Amino acid sequence: MTPLRQRMLQDMQLRGFSPKTQVVYLFAVQQFATHYAKSPDLITEVELRNYFLYLINEKRVAPGTVSIALSAIKFLFVHSLQRPWPTFELIRPPQRRPLPAVLSLDEVHHLLASLRLPRYRACLTTIYAAGLRLGEGVNLRVSQIDSSRMVIHIQNGKGGKDRYVPLSPPLLSLLRSHWLSHHHPTWLFPARRRPNELFSSHPLLPRSVEAAMQAAVTECGFQKHVTVHTLRHSWATHLLEAGINLRLIQAWLGHSSPTTTMRYTHLTIASHQRASAVMTELLEQIL
């Protein structure tokens, strides 16, 4: 590892960046250095400008990719190299925020019923029933289930934040039943143990849960783009349609801003139906 790469890594650790963010940023800077075949500290501001023009106009990468490259390279130059060049304030990749796919209650039921292995069905059912992210679901520990208060304590979620989410009686019953199938002292969803192990040393791998999800999606024949995260979107939308306060849903999702949670108002069928009914009454008075 070069001294500059080590310096950037340490700077990111001091800023409290997650290990995943550190890996993504280092890779983006590596691509930047590879493009010019020299160390980033030898790259000029003109070359920096031309690199982003290349990404946008020639390579035509997605806006999200440009944003990641900008954040990573800007961190390197501003914090590690102490070069706050004006070009960084000029670059503004266009932002596109498509609405996520959402499953109906019947589609969720069909999907979960299509999962053949109980460990994946239990894990994905929990992810839907508590509105969890994939990493939060697979890493759920027995100690995080508070049956006396009927909540799940999500620890060290996105942004290092803790939160509580409601624990429904049917979900508690499912978790207890699933735990009795393996009796793991730590993980609710442990990976399969090896022959010489009493208990598995780690929980289910996210990629294995995603693979099981995609197999079920294919079997169900859904035409929309459905991932594990779609279950979280669907949970929030279903709660909103049931009349649950948006602020509560925001807290349970762990969103810092209500603006992020308000995206789900565009996805509720009930709202669309009410709007259509109102417009029908208005048009009947006019036409």
C-alpha atoms as a PDB file:
ATOM      1  CA  MET A   1       0.000   0.000   0.000  1.00  0.00           C
ATOM      2  CA  THR A   2       1.391   3.395  -1.010  1.00  0.00           C
ATOM      3  CA  PRO A   3       1.871   6.095   1.655  1.00  0.00           C
ATOM      4  CA  LEU A   4      -0.827   8.254   0.013  1.00  0.00           C
ATOM      5  CA  ARG A   5      -3.354   5.391  -0.018  1.00  0.00           C
ATOM      6  CA  GLN A   6      -2.524   4.672   3.623  1.00  0.00           C
ATOM      7  CA  ARG A   7      -2.967   8.356   4.484  1.00  0.00           C
ATOM      8  CA  MET A   8      -6.381   8.503   2.782  1.00  0.00           C
ATOM      9  CA  LEU A   9      -7.468   5.305   4.524  1.00  0.00           C
ATOM     10  CA  GLN A  10      -6.477   6.694   7.912  1.00  0.00           C
ATOM     11  CA  ASP A  11      -8.217   9.997   7.168  1.00  0.00           C
ATOM     12  CA  MET A  12     -11.432   8.143   6.333  1.00  0.00           C
ATOM     13  CA  GLN A  13     -11.158   6.118   9.526  1.00  0.00           C
ATOM     14  CA  LEU A  14     -10.736   9.324  11.526  1.00  0.00           C
ATOM     15  CA  ARG A  15     -13.888  10.718   9.876  1.00  0.00           C
ATOM     16  CA  GLY A  16     -15.798   7.593  10.917  1.00  0.00           C
ATOM     17  CA  PHE A  17     -16.499   6.274   7.400  1.00  0.00           C
ATOM     18  CA  SER A  18     -17.867   2.735   7.277  1.00  0.00           C
ATOM     19  CA  PRO A  19     -15.558  -0.028   5.975  1.00  0.00           C
ATOM     20  CA  LYS A  20     -17.761  -0.346   2.877  1.00  0.00           C
ATOM     21  CA  THR A  21     -17.425   3.385   2.107  1.00  0.00           C
ATOM     22  CA  GLN A  22     -13.667   3.167   2.566  1.00  0.00           C
ATOM     23  CA  VAL A  23     -13.424   0.351   0.014  1.00  0.00           C
ATOM     24  CA  VAL A  24     -15.631   2.192  -2.503  1.00  0.00           C
ATOM     25  CA  TYR A  25     -13.675   5.455  -2.164  1.00  0.00           C
ATOM     26  CA  LEU A  26     -10.290   3.759  -2.501  1.00  0.00           C
ATOM     27  CA  PHE A  27     -11.449   1.943  -5.630  1.00  0.00           C
ATOM     28  CA  ALA A  28     -12.739   5.184  -7.185  1.00  0.00           C
ATOM     29  CA  VAL A  29      -9.395   6.889  -6.550  1.00  0.00           C
ATOM     30  CA  GLN A  30      -7.563   3.857  -7.957  1.00  0.00           C
ATOM     31  CA  GLN A  31      -9.574   4.145 -11.188  1.00  0.00           C
ATOM     32  CA  PHE A  32      -8.728   7.846 -11.333  1.00  0.00           C
ATOM     33  CA  ALA A  33      -4.991   7.154 -10.917  1.00  0.00           C
ATOM     34  CA  THR A  34      -5.093   4.293 -13.439  1.00  0.00           C
ATOM     35  CA  HIS A  35      -6.697   6.576 -16.038  1.00  0.00           C
ATOM     36  CA  TYR A  36      -3.635   8.849 -15.967  1.00  0.00           C
ATOM     37  CA  ALA A  37      -1.134   6.086 -15.057  1.00  0.00           C
ATOM     38  CA  LYS A  38       0.386   8.122 -12.231  1.00  0.00           C
ATOM     39  CA  SER A  39      -0.059   8.862  -8.563  1.00  0.00           C
ATOM     40  CA  PRO A  40      -3.003  11.181  -7.756  1.00  0.00           C
ATOM     41  CA  ASP A  41      -0.694  13.693  -6.073  1.00  0.00           C
ATOM     42  CA  LEU A  42       0.935  14.293  -9.488  1.00  0.00           C
ATOM     43  CA  ILE A  43      -2.387  14.989 -11.239  1.00  0.00           C
ATOM     44  CA  THR A  44      -3.186  18.604 -12.082  1.00  0.00           C
ATOM     45  CA  GLU A  45      -6.487  20.430 -11.672  1.00  0.00           C
ATOM     46  CA  VAL A  46      -6.876  20.560 -15.458  1.00  0.00           C
ATOM     47  CA  GLU A  47      -6.501  16.779 -15.610  1.00  0.00           C
ATOM     48  CA  LEU A  48      -9.043  16.461 -12.799  1.00  0.00           C
ATOM     49  CA  ARG A  49     -11.519  18.537 -14.796  1.00  0.00           C
ATOM     50  CA  ASN A  50     -10.883  16.504 -17.962  1.00  0.00           C
ATOM     51  CA  TYR A  51     -11.384  13.242 -16.068  1.00  0.00           C
ATOM     52  CA  PHE A  52     -14.928  14.155 -15.064  1.00  0.00           C
ATOM     53  CA  LEU A  53     -15.677  15.392 -18.592  1.00  0.00           C
ATOM     54  CA  TYR A  54     -14.488  11.989 -19.783  1.00  0.00           C
ATOM     55  CA  LEU A  55     -16.770  10.170 -17.319  1.00  0.00           C
ATOM     56  CA  ILE A  56     -19.802  12.279 -18.284  1.00  0.00           C
ATOM     57  CA  ASN A  57     -19.353  12.781 -22.053  1.00  0.00           C
ATOM     58  CA  GLU A  58     -17.340   9.801 -23.279  1.00  0.00           C
ATOM     59  CA  LYS A  59     -17.813   6.963 -20.856  1.00  0.00           C
ATOM     60  CA  ARG A  60     -21.374   8.111 -20.070  1.00  0.00           C
ATOM     61  CA  VAL A  61     -21.425   6.573 -16.625  1.00  0.00           C
ATOM     62  CA  ALA A  62     -24.494   6.817 -14.403  1.00  0.00           C
ATOM     63  CA  PRO A  63     -24.915   9.982 -12.300  1.00  0.00           C
ATOM     64  CA  GLY A  64     -24.500   7.894  -9.162  1.00  0.00           C
ATOM     65  CA  THR A  65     -21.107   6.687 -10.372  1.00  0.00           C
ATOM     66  CA  VAL A  66     -20.025  10.275 -11.023  1.00  0.00           C
ATOM     67  CA  SER A  67     -21.187  11.257  -7.538  1.00  0.00           C
ATOM     68  CA  ILE A  68     -19.165   8.471  -5.915  1.00  0.00           C
ATOM     69  CA  ALA A  69     -16.057   9.389  -7.939  1.00  0.00           C
ATOM     70  CA  LEU A  70     -16.505  13.058  -7.034  1.00  0.00           C
ATOM     71  CA  SER A  71     -16.935  12.342  -3.314  1.00  0.00           C
ATOM     72  CA  ALA A  72     -13.929  10.014  -3.208  1.00  0.00           C
ATOM     73  CA  ILE A  73     -11.547  12.185  -5.223  1.00  0.00           C
ATOM     74  CA  LYS A  74     -12.675  15.350  -3.460  1.00  0.00           C
ATOM     75  CA  PHE A  75     -12.006  13.723  -0.093  1.00  0.00           C
ATOM     76  CA  LEU A  76      -8.515  12.737  -1.222  1.00  0.00           C
ATOM     77  CA  PHE A  77      -7.567  16.181  -2.515  1.00  0.00           C
ATOM     78  CA  VAL A  78      -9.318  18.317   0.090  1.00  0.00           C
ATOM     79  CA  HIS A  79      -8.499  16.323   3.242  1.00  0.00           C
ATOM     80  CA  SER A  80      -5.484  14.126   2.474  1.00  0.00           C
ATOM     81  CA  LEU A  81      -3.617  16.391   0.026  1.00  0.00           C
ATOM     82  CA  GLN A  82      -4.931  19.750   1.306  1.00  0.00           C
ATOM     83  CA  ARG A  83      -5.811  20.928  -2.212  1.00  0.00           C
ATOM     84  CA  PRO A  84      -9.365  22.374  -2.164  1.00  0.00           C
ATOM     85  CA  TRP A  85      -9.467  23.116  -5.887  1.00  0.00           C
ATOM     86  CA  PRO A  86     -12.357  25.284  -7.246  1.00  0.00           C
ATOM     87  CA  THR A  87     -13.180  22.580  -9.818  1.00  0.00           C
ATOM     88  CA  PHE A  88     -14.722  20.453  -7.069  1.00  0.00           C
ATOM     89  CA  GLU A  89     -17.429  23.084  -6.537  1.00  0.00           C
ATOM     90  CA  LEU A  90     -18.155  23.208 -10.260  1.00  0.00           C
ATOM     91  CA  ILE A  91     -18.907  19.519 -10.781  1.00  0.00           C
ATOM     92  CA  ARG A  92     -22.580  18.723 -10.195  1.00  0.00           C
ATOM     93  CA  PRO A  93     -23.704  15.396 -11.712  1.00  0.00           C
ATOM     94  CA  PRO A  94     -27.413  15.310 -12.622  1.00  0.00           C
ATOM     95  CA  GLN A  95     -29.518  13.539 -10.037  1.00  0.00           C
ATOM     96  CA  ARG A  96     -32.231  11.118 -11.054  1.00  0.00           C
ATOM     97  CA  ARG A  97     -34.406   9.684  -8.305  1.00  0.00           C
ATOM     98  CA  PRO A  98     -36.671   7.010  -9.789  1.00  0.00           C
ATOM     99  CA  LEU A  99     -39.455   5.708  -7.598  1.00  0.00           C
ATOM    100  CA  PRO A 100     -38.733   2.224  -6.241  1.00  0.00           C
ATOM    101  CA  ALA A 101     -40.786  -0.822  -7.119  1.00  0.00           C
ATOM    102  CA  VAL A 102     -43.377  -1.853  -4.535  1.00  0.00           C
ATOM    103  CA  LEU A 103     -45.121  -5.190  -4.104  1.00  0.00           C
ATOM    104  CA  SER A 104     -48.768  -5.554  -3.143  1.00  0.00           C
ATOM    105  CA  LEU A 105     -49.686  -7.623  -0.081  1.00  0.00           C
ATOM    106  CA  ASP A 106     -50.665 -10.525  -2.326  1.00  0.00           C
ATOM    107  CA  GLU A 107     -47.355 -10.301  -4.178  1.00  0.00           C
ATOM    108  CA  VAL A 108     -45.407 -10.287  -0.903  1.00  0.00           C
ATOM    109  CA  HIS A 109     -47.321 -13.368   0.259  1.00  0.00           C
ATOM    110  CA  HIS A 110     -46.691 -15.125  -3.078  1.00  0.00           C
ATOM    111  CA  LEU A 111     -43.008 -14.234  -2.989  1.00  0.00           C
ATOM    112  CA  LEU A 112     -42.357 -15.400   0.572  1.00  0.00           C
ATOM    113  CA  ALA A 113     -44.312 -18.601  -0.037  1.00  0.00           C
ATOM    114  CA  SER A 114     -42.045 -19.325  -3.028  1.00  0.00           C
ATOM    115  CA  LEU A 115     -38.912 -19.475  -0.864  1.00  0.00           C
ATOM    116  CA  ARG A 116     -38.065 -23.142  -0.500  1.00  0.00           C
ATOM    117  CA  LEU A 117     -35.568 -23.134   2.394  1.00  0.00           C
ATOM    118  CA  PRO A 118     -36.988 -22.183   5.830  1.00  0.00           C
ATOM    119  CA  ARG A 119     -33.930 -20.131   6.843  1.00  0.00           C
ATOM    120  CA  TYR A 120     -34.326 -17.827   3.843  1.00  0.00           C
ATOM    121  CA  ARG A 121     -38.098 -17.630   4.245  1.00  0.00           C
ATOM    122  CA  ALA A 122     -37.720 -16.673   7.912  1.00  0.00           C
ATOM    123  CA  CYS A 123     -35.005 -14.091   7.202  1.00  0.00           C
ATOM    124  CA  LEU A 124     -36.831 -12.407   4.318  1.00  0.00           C
ATOM    125  CA  THR A 125     -40.150 -12.464   6.172  1.00  0.00           C
ATOM    126  CA  THR A 126     -38.440 -10.655   9.056  1.00  0.00           C
ATOM    127  CA  ILE A 127     -36.906  -8.112   6.689  1.00  0.00           C
ATOM    128  CA  TYR A 128     -40.383  -7.341   5.326  1.00  0.00           C
ATOM    129  CA  ALA A 129     -42.216  -7.443   8.676  1.00  0.00           C
ATOM    130  CA  ALA A 130     -39.757  -5.021  10.329  1.00  0.00           C
ATOM    131  CA  GLY A 131     -38.745  -2.878   7.345  1.00  0.00           C
ATOM    132  CA  LEU A 132     -35.079  -3.848   7.650  1.00  0.00           C
ATOM    133  CA  ARG A 133     -32.150  -3.392   5.314  1.00  0.00           C
ATOM    134  CA  LEU A 134     -30.511  -6.603   4.086  1.00  0.00           C
ATOM    135  CA  GLY A 135     -27.469  -6.222   6.341  1.00  0.00           C
ATOM    136  CA  GLU A 136     -29.655  -5.488   9.360  1.00  0.00           C
ATOM    137  CA  GLY A 137     -31.725  -8.587   8.698  1.00  0.00           C
ATOM    138  CA  VAL A 138     -28.958 -11.153   8.213  1.00  0.00           C
ATOM    139  CA  ASN A 139     -26.977  -9.830  11.197  1.00  0.00           C
ATOM    140  CA  LEU A 140     -29.923  -9.842  13.591  1.00  0.00           C
ATOM    141  CA  ARG A 141     -28.941 -11.219  17.001  1.00  0.00           C
ATOM    142  CA  VAL A 142     -31.074 -12.997  19.574  1.00  0.00           C
ATOM    143  CA  SER A 143     -30.276 -10.218  22.069  1.00  0.00           C
ATOM    144  CA  GLN A 144     -31.879  -7.594  19.818  1.00  0.00           C
ATOM    145  CA  ILE A 145     -35.361  -9.070  20.242  1.00  0.00           C
ATOM    146  CA  ASP A 146     -37.146  -7.409  23.153  1.00  0.00           C
ATOM    147  CA  SER A 147     -40.310  -9.451  23.636  1.00  0.00           C
ATOM    148  CA  SER A 148     -41.261  -7.627  26.848  1.00  0.00           C
ATOM    149  CA  ARG A 149     -41.550  -4.290  25.005  1.00  0.00           C
ATOM    150  CA  MET A 150     -42.363  -5.909  21.627  1.00  0.00           C
ATOM    151  CA  VAL A 151     -39.630  -4.081  19.734  1.00  0.00           C
ATOM    152  CA  ILE A 152     -36.500  -5.004  17.781  1.00  0.00           C
ATOM    153  CA  HIS A 153     -33.409  -2.991  18.668  1.00  0.00           C
ATOM    154  CA  ILE A 154     -31.557  -2.257  15.429  1.00  0.00           C
ATOM    155  CA  GLN A 155     -27.962  -1.521  16.373  1.00  0.00           C
ATOM    156  CA  ASN A 156     -25.350   0.287  14.310  1.00  0.00           C
ATOM    157  CA  GLY A 157     -27.619   0.734  11.295  1.00  0.00           C
ATOM    158  CA  LYS A 158     -26.830   2.939   8.324  1.00  0.00           C
ATOM    159  CA  GLY A 159     -24.863   5.951   9.490  1.00  0.00           C
ATOM    160  CA  GLY A 160     -24.033   4.173  12.755  1.00  0.00           C
ATOM    161  CA  LYS A 161     -27.506   4.901  14.124  1.00  0.00           C
ATOM    162  CA  ASP A 162     -29.560   2.761  16.507  1.00  0.00           C
ATOM    163  CA  ARG A 163     -33.348   2.593  16.374  1.00  0.00           C
ATOM    164  CA  TYR A 164     -36.307   0.540  17.532  1.00  0.00           C
ATOM    165  CA  VAL A 165     -38.867  -1.025  15.198  1.00  0.00           C
ATOM    166  CA  PRO A 166     -42.179  -2.633  16.199  1.00  0.00           C
ATOM    167  CA  LEU A 167     -42.243  -6.385  16.790  1.00  0.00           C
ATOM    168  CA  SER A 168     -45.613  -7.895  15.934  1.00  0.00           C
ATOM    169  CA  PRO A 169     -46.831 -11.058  17.721  1.00  0.00           C
ATOM    170  CA  PRO A 170     -46.865 -13.136  14.486  1.00  0.00           C
ATOM    171  CA  LEU A 171     -43.260 -12.137  13.773  1.00  0.00           C
ATOM    172  CA  LEU A 172     -42.208 -12.979  17.345  1.00  0.00           C
ATOM    173  CA  SER A 173     -43.854 -16.384  16.969  1.00  0.00           C
ATOM    174  CA  LEU A 174     -42.014 -16.944  13.668  1.00  0.00           C
ATOM    175  CA  LEU A 175     -38.649 -15.963  15.172  1.00  0.00           C
ATOM    176  CA  ARG A 176     -39.134 -18.238  18.177  1.00  0.00           C
ATOM    177  CA  SER A 177     -40.122 -21.151  15.978  1.00  0.00           C
ATOM    178  CA  HIS A 178     -37.150 -20.588  13.668  1.00  0.00           C
ATOM    179  CA  TRP A 179     -34.711 -20.272  16.582  1.00  0.00           C
ATOM    180  CA  LEU A 180     -35.871 -23.641  17.949  1.00  0.00           C
ATOM    181  CA  SER A 181     -34.674 -25.191  14.678  1.00  0.00           C
ATOM    182  CA  HIS A 182     -31.028 -24.248  15.370  1.00  0.00           C
ATOM    183  CA  HIS A 183     -30.673 -22.936  19.004  1.00  0.00           C
ATOM    184  CA  HIS A 184     -27.794 -20.652  18.019  1.00  0.00           C
ATOM    185  CA  PRO A 185     -26.730 -18.579  21.064  1.00  0.00           C
ATOM    186  CA  THR A 186     -26.023 -15.443  19.001  1.00  0.00           C
ATOM    187  CA  TRP A 187     -27.515 -15.312  15.508  1.00  0.00           C
ATOM    188  CA  LEU A 188     -31.183 -15.531  14.618  1.00  0.00           C
ATOM    189  CA  PHE A 189     -30.282 -16.531  11.069  1.00  0.00           C
ATOM    190  CA  PRO A 190     -27.018 -18.469  11.251  1.00  0.00           C
ATOM    191  CA  ALA A 191     -25.360 -19.893   8.175  1.00  0.00           C
ATOM    192  CA  ARG A 192     -25.189 -23.657   7.874  1.00  0.00           C
ATOM    193  CA  ARG A 193     -22.588 -25.000  10.259  1.00  0.00           C
ATOM    194  CA  ARG A 194     -19.674 -27.104   9.115  1.00  0.00           C
ATOM    195  CA  PRO A 195     -19.470 -30.768  10.201  1.00  0.00           C
ATOM    196  CA  ASN A 196     -16.858 -30.022  12.873  1.00  0.00           C
ATOM    197  CA  GLU A 197     -18.701 -26.996  14.315  1.00  0.00           C
ATOM    198  CA  LEU A 198     -21.224 -26.971  17.144  1.00  0.00           C
ATOM    199  CA  PHE A 199     -22.569 -23.626  15.911  1.00  0.00           C
ATOM    200  CA  SER A 200     -21.895 -21.623  12.773  1.00  0.00           C
ATOM    201  CA  SER A 201     -19.447 -18.766  13.339  1.00  0.00           C
ATOM    202  CA  HIS A 202     -21.327 -16.284  11.154  1.00  0.00           C
ATOM    203  CA  PRO A 203     -24.860 -15.418  10.012  1.00  0.00           C
ATOM    204  CA  LEU A 204     -26.311 -15.916   6.538  1.00  0.00           C
ATOM    205  CA  LEU A 205     -24.315 -14.152   3.848  1.00  0.00           C
ATOM    206  CA  PRO A 206     -26.140 -11.238   2.193  1.00  0.00           C
ATOM    207  CA  ARG A 207     -25.353 -12.580  -1.281  1.00  0.00           C
ATOM    208  CA  SER A 208     -26.942 -15.943  -0.467  1.00  0.00           C
ATOM    209  CA  VAL A 209     -30.129 -14.248   0.765  1.00  0.00           C
ATOM    210  CA  GLU A 210     -30.213 -12.062  -2.356  1.00  0.00           C
ATOM    211  CA  ALA A 211     -29.745 -15.163  -4.540  1.00  0.00           C
ATOM    212  CA  ALA A 212     -32.641 -16.922  -2.804  1.00  0.00           C
ATOM    213  CA  MET A 213     -34.739 -13.783  -3.283  1.00  0.00           C
ATOM    214  CA  GLN A 214     -33.992 -13.608  -7.001  1.00  0.00           C
ATOM    215  CA  ALA A 215     -34.832 -17.284  -7.463  1.00  0.00           C
ATOM    216  CA  ALA A 216     -38.228 -16.642  -5.852  1.00  0.00           C
ATOM    217  CA  VAL A 217     -38.771 -13.501  -7.952  1.00  0.00           C
ATOM    218  CA  THR A 218     -38.107 -15.508 -11.109  1.00  0.00           C
ATOM    219  CA  GLU A 219     -40.509 -18.236 -10.006  1.00  0.00           C
ATOM    220  CA  CYS A 220     -43.213 -15.632  -9.300  1.00  0.00           C
ATOM    221  CA  GLY A 221     -42.727 -14.085 -12.736  1.00  0.00           C
ATOM    222  CA  PHE A 222     -42.662 -10.456 -11.558  1.00  0.00           C
ATOM    223  CA  GLN A 223     -41.969  -7.997 -14.368  1.00  0.00           C
ATOM    224  CA  LYS A 224     -40.846  -5.174 -12.080  1.00  0.00           C
ATOM    225  CA  HIS A 225     -37.327  -4.880 -10.690  1.00  0.00           C
ATOM    226  CA  VAL A 226     -37.527  -6.587  -7.291  1.00  0.00           C
ATOM    227  CA  THR A 227     -34.677  -6.952  -4.790  1.00  0.00           C
ATOM    228  CA  VAL A 228     -34.467  -7.605  -1.065  1.00  0.00           C
ATOM    229  CA  HIS A 229     -34.697  -3.843  -0.505  1.00  0.00           C
ATOM    230  CA  THR A 230     -38.076  -3.890  -2.283  1.00  0.00           C
ATOM    231  CA  LEU A 231     -39.488  -5.609   0.814  1.00  0.00           C
ATOM    232  CA  ARG A 232     -38.489  -2.577   2.909  1.00  0.00           C
ATOM    233  CA  HIS A 233     -40.108  -0.204   0.394  1.00  0.00           C
ATOM    234  CA  SER A 234     -43.239  -2.339   0.380  1.00  0.00           C
ATOM    235  CA  TRP A 235     -43.420  -2.428   4.195  1.00  0.00           C
ATOM    236  CA  ALA A 236     -43.247   1.374   4.440  1.00  0.00           C
ATOM    237  CA  THR A 237     -45.837   1.817   1.690  1.00  0.00           C
ATOM    238  CA  HIS A 238     -48.236  -0.682   3.258  1.00  0.00           C
ATOM    239  CA  LEU A 239     -47.983   1.059   6.635  1.00  0.00           C
ATOM    240  CA  LEU A 240     -48.638   4.426   5.035  1.00  0.00           C
ATOM    241  CA  GLU A 241     -51.676   3.027   3.208  1.00  0.00           C
ATOM    242  CA  ALA A 242     -52.951   1.702   6.546  1.00  0.00           C
ATOM    243  CA  GLY A 243     -52.888   5.212   7.988  1.00  0.00           C
ATOM    244  CA  ILE A 244     -49.703   5.032  10.085  1.00  0.00           C
ATOM    245  CA  ASN A 245     -48.166   8.468  10.725  1.00  0.00           C
ATOM    246  CA  LEU A 246     -45.356   9.369   8.323  1.00  0.00           C
ATOM    247  CA  ARG A 247     -43.113  10.566  11.157  1.00  0.00           C
ATOM    248  CA  LEU A 248     -43.357   7.186  12.877  1.00  0.00           C
ATOM    249  CA  ILE A 249     -42.462   5.393   9.656  1.00  0.00           C
ATOM    250  CA  GLN A 250     -39.509   7.754   9.249  1.00  0.00           C
ATOM    251  CA  ALA A 251     -38.211   6.843  12.715  1.00  0.00           C
ATOM    252  CA  TRP A 252     -38.692   3.121  12.155  1.00  0.00           C
ATOM    253  CA  LEU A 253     -36.881   3.288   8.810  1.00  0.00           C
ATOM    254  CA  GLY A 254     -34.031   5.261  10.344  1.00  0.00           C
ATOM    255  CA  HIS A 255     -34.317   8.137   7.852  1.00  0.00           C
ATOM    256  CA  SER A 256     -32.650  11.377   8.940  1.00  0.00           C
ATOM    257  CA  SER A 257     -34.915  13.528   6.782  1.00  0.00           C
ATOM    258  CA  PRO A 258     -38.696  13.277   6.348  1.00  0.00           C
ATOM    259  CA  THR A 259     -38.140  14.159   2.679  1.00  0.00           C
ATOM    260  CA  THR A 260     -36.691  10.689   2.106  1.00  0.00           C
ATOM    261  CA  THR A 261     -39.705   9.009   3.694  1.00  0.00           C
ATOM    262  CA  MET A 262     -42.159  11.216   1.805  1.00  0.00           C
ATOM    263  CA  ARG A 263     -41.220   9.374  -1.398  1.00  0.00           C
ATOM    264  CA  TYR A 264     -43.595   6.649  -0.263  1.00  0.00           C
ATOM    265  CA  THR A 265     -46.545   9.005  -0.565  1.00  0.00           C
ATOM    266  CA  HIS A 266     -46.087   8.674  -4.346  1.00  0.00           C
ATOM    267  CA  LEU A 267     -46.459   4.906  -4.083  1.00  0.00           C
ATOM    268  CA  THR A 268     -49.655   4.503  -2.096  1.00  0.00           C
ATOM    269  CA  ILE A 269     -52.555   3.145  -4.112  1.00  0.00           C
ATOM    270  CA  ALA A 270     -55.079   4.469  -1.606  1.00  0.00           C
ATOM    271  CA  SER A 271     -53.870   8.042  -2.149  1.00  0.00           C
ATOM    272  CA  HIS A 272     -54.120   7.644  -5.907  1.00  0.00           C
ATOM    273  CA  GLN A 273     -57.613   6.224  -5.611  1.00  0.00           C
ATOM    274  CA  ARG A 274     -58.751   9.095  -3.350  1.00  0.00           C
ATOM    275  CA  ALA A 275     -57.276  11.644  -5.749  1.00  0.00           C
ATOM    276  CA  SER A 276     -59.028   9.948  -8.657  1.00  0.00           C
ATOM    277  CA  ALA A 277     -62.359   9.973  -6.791  1.00  0.00           C
ATOM    278  CA  VAL A 278     -61.995  13.682  -5.976  1.00  0.00           C
ATOM    279  CA  MET A 279     -61.161  14.524  -9.593  1.00  0.00           C
ATOM    280  CA  THR A 280     -64.142  12.501 -10.758  1.00  0.00           C
ATOM    281  CA  GLU A 281     -66.477  14.559  -8.534  1.00  0.00           C
ATOM    282  CA  LEU A 282     -64.923  17.800  -9.732  1.00  0.00           C
ATOM    283  CA  LEU A 283     -65.166  16.873 -13.406  1.00  0.00           C
ATOM    284  CA  GLU A 284     -68.779  15.759 -13.008  1.00  0.00           C
ATOM    285  CA  GLN A 285     -69.583  19.293 -11.877  1.00  0.00           C
ATOM    286  CA  ILE A 286     -67.791  20.801 -14.857  1.00  0.00           C
ATOM    287  CA  LEU A 287     -68.596  18.466 -17.739  1.00  0.00           C
END
